[in-house]
Amino acid sequence: MPRNVEAKSVESDADVTFAAIESQTTMNDRRSLIAVRNSVRRAVGEYTYLEIGSHLGGSLQPFVLDPSCKLMWSIDKRPAVMPDARGSRFEYADNSTARMVALLTALDPAIGDRLRWIDSDAADIPASTINPAPKLMFVDGEHTDRAVYSDGEFCRRVMDPAGSVLVFHDAQIVYLGLRQLFLDWEAAGVPFTAYHLPDVLMVVEFGLAIHDDAEIRPLLLNNHVGYLTSLFVNDVYRHVANRFPAKQYWALRKTAKRWLRR
């Protein structure tokens, strides 16, 4: 199949899969998440999925529509306002589990048979609660370094030790938390493989190698897409640094250092 036709086909799949419920993801995010789902399914068959940060249920849609996903866990503190590493606090109107379940029921009237939800910080949930252990996990909760570190540790505690995949959304925001997670896992001798998928997903494999799957491989080979997108999203900081008053602040600081060295 010609590459442009294949790309249109994958994009159409993402359009259909994410059509019913609003999701704060880009088209590339959706294509990548679907590719990860499909590759996990090809590797293990039936699986359990867990996500932290569901809001309306937009990121649950690919799994509601996948009959191989036998159980879904949704963990969300359900705050009205969420802190964020970008310095703002983001509001989530009518952020209720009841609203999410109603939207998901429209996709699958029997969703209650497959969906489990916990309105809590993941750190407060005993690992034994999550049973069976998930093969695939998605973290898109509070966008702070502290929270993503805590959520990542929780996922590592509850995941299927026989092989699992963990995906973080908005890696360009919580990169410091991810970096510390990886450093600590390496120091503790935890075996894992991590890589970036477009637009802003960080994928971590724990003994379940999907990176050579036919859907994942081209996304990795064209890794400039996610890399440049992440830089572009954070480019606002460069503009701030080159404008008043930040530019004047750095000029004054440089002058002060020169004066103090005299």
Protein backbone atom coordinates (compact mmCIF):
# COMPACT_ATOMS: atom_id res chain seq x y z
CA MET A 1 0.00 0.00 0.00
CA PRO A 2 1.41 3.46 -0.89
CA ARG A 3 2.60 5.31 2.20
CA ASN A 4 0.22 8.28 1.76
CA VAL A 5 -2.80 5.97 1.46
CA GLU A 6 -1.70 4.07 4.57
CA ALA A 7 -1.31 7.32 6.53
CA LYS A 8 -4.82 8.43 5.54
CA SER A 9 -6.18 5.06 6.62
CA VAL A 10 -4.55 5.30 10.07
CA GLU A 11 -5.78 8.87 10.45
CA SER A 12 -9.32 7.82 9.57
CA ASP A 13 -9.13 5.07 12.19
CA ALA A 14 -8.11 7.65 14.79
CA ASP A 15 -10.95 9.95 13.69
CA VAL A 16 -13.52 7.20 14.16
CA THR A 17 -12.07 5.83 17.40
CA PHE A 18 -11.96 9.22 19.15
CA ALA A 19 -15.12 10.67 17.59
CA ALA A 20 -17.66 10.23 20.38
CA ILE A 21 -16.00 11.84 23.42
CA GLU A 22 -13.77 14.92 23.61
CA SER A 23 -10.11 14.06 24.17
CA GLN A 24 -7.26 16.47 24.89
CA THR A 25 -4.98 14.72 22.42
CA THR A 26 -3.65 15.60 18.98
CA MET A 27 -4.19 13.47 15.89
CA ASN A 28 -0.63 12.12 16.21
CA ASP A 29 -1.20 11.32 19.89
CA ARG A 30 -4.27 9.34 18.91
CA ARG A 31 -2.51 7.48 16.12
CA SER A 32 0.33 6.59 18.49
CA LEU A 33 -2.01 5.43 21.26
CA ILE A 34 -3.95 3.24 18.82
CA ALA A 35 -0.66 1.81 17.52
CA VAL A 36 0.43 0.96 21.08
CA ARG A 37 -2.94 -0.64 21.80
CA ASN A 38 -2.81 -2.72 18.63
CA SER A 39 0.77 -3.84 19.21
CA VAL A 40 0.02 -4.91 22.79
CA ARG A 41 -3.00 -6.84 21.55
CA ARG A 42 -0.93 -8.59 18.91
CA ALA A 43 1.70 -9.47 21.53
CA VAL A 44 -0.54 -10.77 24.33
CA GLY A 45 -4.09 -11.17 23.04
CA GLU A 46 -6.58 -10.24 25.75
CA TYR A 47 -5.41 -7.63 28.26
CA THR A 48 -6.34 -5.30 31.14
CA TYR A 49 -5.93 -1.53 30.73
CA LEU A 50 -5.41 1.10 33.43
CA GLU A 51 -5.31 4.87 33.14
CA ILE A 52 -4.74 7.70 35.57
CA GLY A 53 -6.62 10.86 34.62
CA SER A 54 -9.78 10.13 32.66
CA HIS A 55 -11.90 13.32 32.85
CA LEU A 56 -14.66 12.70 30.25
CA GLY A 57 -13.33 9.32 29.15
CA GLY A 58 -11.82 10.42 25.84
CA SER A 59 -8.69 8.29 26.23
CA LEU A 60 -10.79 5.28 27.25
CA GLN A 61 -12.53 5.18 23.87
CA PRO A 62 -9.93 3.02 22.04
CA PHE A 63 -10.25 0.40 24.76
CA VAL A 64 -14.02 0.49 25.05
CA LEU A 65 -14.09 -0.26 21.31
CA ASP A 66 -11.56 -3.10 21.60
CA PRO A 67 -13.14 -6.46 22.52
CA SER A 68 -9.68 -7.77 23.48
CA CYS A 69 -9.62 -5.29 26.38
CA LYS A 70 -11.42 -7.33 29.00
CA LEU A 71 -11.14 -4.87 31.89
CA MET A 72 -10.47 -1.14 32.22
CA TRP A 73 -9.40 0.73 35.35
CA SER A 74 -10.00 4.49 35.57
CA ILE A 75 -8.28 6.36 38.41
CA ASP A 76 -8.99 10.07 38.80
CA LYS A 77 -9.07 12.41 41.80
CA ARG A 78 -11.80 14.41 40.01
CA PRO A 79 -10.64 17.88 41.07
CA ALA A 80 -12.39 21.01 39.81
CA VAL A 81 -9.02 22.75 39.45
CA MET A 82 -5.68 21.07 38.68
CA PRO A 83 -2.16 22.44 39.33
CA ASP A 84 0.21 22.34 36.38
CA ALA A 85 3.99 22.57 35.85
CA ARG A 86 3.42 25.35 33.32
CA GLY A 87 2.56 27.71 36.18
CA SER A 88 -1.21 27.87 35.68
CA ARG A 89 -4.11 26.08 37.32
CA PHE A 90 -6.48 24.40 34.87
CA GLU A 91 -10.22 24.12 35.48
CA TYR A 92 -12.18 20.95 34.74
CA ALA A 93 -15.89 21.76 34.72
CA ASP A 94 -18.34 19.03 35.78
CA ASN A 95 -15.44 16.65 36.29
CA SER A 96 -17.48 13.71 37.55
CA THR A 97 -17.32 9.95 37.15
CA ALA A 98 -21.09 9.88 36.54
CA ARG A 99 -20.68 12.11 33.50
CA MET A 100 -17.83 9.96 32.15
CA VAL A 101 -19.75 6.71 32.62
CA ALA A 102 -22.79 8.17 30.87
CA LEU A 103 -20.66 9.12 27.85
CA LEU A 104 -18.98 5.72 27.74
CA THR A 105 -22.32 3.91 28.08
CA ALA A 106 -23.39 5.54 24.83
CA LEU A 107 -20.44 3.74 23.21
CA ASP A 108 -21.08 0.44 24.96
CA PRO A 109 -24.32 -0.09 26.94
CA ALA A 110 -22.63 -2.95 28.80
CA ILE A 111 -19.58 -0.88 29.78
CA GLY A 112 -20.28 -1.53 33.47
CA ASP A 113 -19.17 -5.13 32.95
CA ARG A 114 -15.67 -4.03 31.92
CA LEU A 115 -15.06 -0.69 33.63
CA ARG A 116 -13.84 -0.12 37.19
CA TRP A 117 -13.27 3.38 38.55
CA ILE A 118 -11.68 4.85 41.67
CA ASP A 119 -12.03 8.55 42.53
CA SER A 120 -8.72 8.94 44.35
CA ASP A 121 -5.07 9.82 44.08
CA ALA A 122 -3.32 6.68 42.83
CA ALA A 123 -0.81 6.99 45.68
CA ASP A 124 -3.62 6.28 48.17
CA ILE A 125 -4.73 3.03 46.49
CA PRO A 126 -3.29 -0.28 47.74
CA ALA A 127 -1.60 -2.13 44.88
CA SER A 128 -3.63 -5.25 45.70
CA THR A 129 -6.79 -3.38 44.65
CA ILE A 130 -5.81 -3.54 40.98
CA ASN A 131 -6.56 -7.11 39.98
CA PRO A 132 -5.95 -8.52 37.43
CA ALA A 133 -2.72 -6.63 36.82
CA PRO A 134 -2.77 -4.38 33.74
CA LYS A 135 -0.68 -5.01 30.64
CA LEU A 136 -1.16 -1.48 29.31
CA MET A 137 -1.25 1.75 31.33
CA PHE A 138 -1.75 5.41 30.42
CA VAL A 139 -0.87 8.36 32.69
CA ASP A 140 -2.51 11.72 31.98
CA GLY A 141 -3.36 13.01 35.44
CA GLU A 142 -1.99 16.04 37.27
CA HIS A 143 0.68 17.65 35.11
CA THR A 144 3.32 18.25 37.75
CA ASP A 145 6.68 16.51 38.14
CA ARG A 146 5.76 15.29 41.61
CA ALA A 147 2.47 13.79 40.44
CA VAL A 148 3.87 12.09 37.34
CA TYR A 149 6.63 10.54 39.44
CA SER A 150 4.07 9.23 41.94
CA ASP A 151 1.75 7.96 39.21
CA GLY A 152 4.61 6.23 37.41
CA GLU A 153 5.68 4.48 40.60
CA PHE A 154 2.11 3.35 41.22
CA CYS A 155 1.87 1.88 37.73
CA ARG A 156 5.13 0.01 38.21
CA ARG A 157 3.78 -1.50 41.44
CA VAL A 158 0.49 -2.70 39.93
CA MET A 159 1.58 -3.70 36.42
CA ASP A 160 1.75 -7.28 35.18
CA PRO A 161 5.34 -8.33 36.01
CA ALA A 162 5.31 -10.79 33.11
CA GLY A 163 5.39 -7.83 30.70
CA SER A 164 3.70 -4.43 30.53
CA VAL A 165 3.70 -1.11 28.67
CA LEU A 166 3.31 2.29 30.33
CA VAL A 167 2.49 5.44 28.33
CA PHE A 168 2.79 9.00 29.66
CA HIS A 169 0.96 11.86 27.94
CA ASP A 170 2.31 15.43 27.73
CA ALA A 171 5.90 14.36 28.28
CA GLN A 172 7.08 17.82 27.21
CA ILE A 173 5.50 19.26 30.37
CA VAL A 174 6.50 16.69 33.00
CA TYR A 175 9.94 15.80 31.61
CA LEU A 176 11.71 16.50 34.91
CA GLY A 177 9.49 14.04 36.73
CA LEU A 178 10.03 11.45 33.99
CA ARG A 179 13.78 11.99 34.07
CA GLN A 180 13.88 11.39 37.83
CA LEU A 181 11.73 8.27 37.47
CA PHE A 182 14.09 6.83 34.89
CA LEU A 183 17.18 7.70 36.93
CA ASP A 184 15.73 6.05 40.03
CA TRP A 185 14.62 2.96 38.13
CA GLU A 186 18.07 2.60 36.61
CA ALA A 187 19.69 3.00 40.04
CA ALA A 188 17.35 0.34 41.45
CA GLY A 189 18.16 -2.06 38.62
CA VAL A 190 14.64 -1.99 37.15
CA PRO A 191 14.87 -3.21 33.53
CA PHE A 192 12.94 -1.01 31.09
CA THR A 193 13.11 0.53 27.62
CA ALA A 194 11.75 4.03 27.01
CA TYR A 195 11.15 6.04 23.85
CA HIS A 196 9.13 8.96 22.51
CA LEU A 197 6.19 8.74 20.11
CA PRO A 198 4.47 11.65 18.36
CA ASP A 199 3.28 14.01 19.39
CA VAL A 200 3.98 14.02 23.14
CA LEU A 201 3.88 10.42 24.40
CA MET A 202 6.62 8.72 26.39
CA VAL A 203 6.38 4.94 26.14
CA VAL A 204 8.04 2.64 28.67
CA GLU A 205 8.32 -1.10 28.06
CA PHE A 206 8.74 -3.45 31.01
CA GLY A 207 9.60 -6.81 29.47
CA LEU A 208 6.98 -6.46 26.72
CA ALA A 209 8.86 -5.40 23.59
CA ILE A 210 6.49 -3.74 21.13
CA HIS A 211 8.95 -1.26 19.61
CA ASP A 212 9.57 -3.47 16.57
CA ASP A 213 5.87 -3.89 15.82
CA ALA A 214 4.82 -2.92 12.28
CA GLU A 215 2.75 0.02 13.60
CA ILE A 216 5.30 1.30 16.12
CA ARG A 217 8.45 1.05 13.99
CA PRO A 218 7.61 3.82 11.47
CA LEU A 219 6.66 6.18 14.29
CA LEU A 220 10.07 5.61 15.85
CA LEU A 221 11.96 5.95 12.58
CA ASN A 222 10.28 9.31 11.96
CA ASN A 223 11.02 10.49 15.48
CA HIS A 224 11.60 14.06 14.29
CA VAL A 225 7.80 14.53 14.35
CA GLY A 226 7.38 14.22 18.11
CA TYR A 227 10.73 15.83 18.88
CA LEU A 228 9.98 19.01 16.93
CA THR A 229 6.40 19.16 18.18
CA SER A 230 7.56 19.00 21.79
CA LEU A 231 10.06 21.81 21.20
CA PHE A 232 7.45 23.90 19.41
CA VAL A 233 4.94 23.50 22.25
CA ASN A 234 7.55 24.71 24.76
CA ASP A 235 8.77 27.50 22.48
CA VAL A 236 6.74 30.04 24.45
CA TYR A 237 9.50 30.05 27.09
CA ARG A 238 12.06 31.17 24.53
CA HIS A 239 9.80 34.02 23.46
CA VAL A 240 9.28 35.06 27.06
CA ALA A 241 13.04 35.04 27.67
CA ASN A 242 13.62 37.36 24.72
CA ARG A 243 11.02 39.97 25.66
CA PHE A 244 10.53 42.61 28.33
CA PRO A 245 11.02 42.29 31.26
CA ALA A 246 12.97 39.01 31.10
CA LYS A 247 15.44 40.27 28.49
CA GLN A 248 16.17 43.37 30.53
CA TYR A 249 16.55 41.28 33.69
CA TRP A 250 19.24 39.08 32.14
CA ALA A 251 21.04 42.12 30.73
CA LEU A 252 21.09 43.77 34.17
CA ARG A 253 22.27 40.55 35.79
CA LYS A 254 25.11 40.25 33.30
CA THR A 255 26.12 43.86 33.93
CA ALA A 256 26.00 43.34 37.71
CA LYS A 257 28.29 40.29 37.46
CA ARG A 258 30.83 42.27 35.45
CA TRP A 259 30.71 45.12 37.99
CA LEU A 260 31.18 42.71 40.95
CA ARG A 261 34.26 41.15 39.31
CA ARG A 262 36.06 44.50 39.21
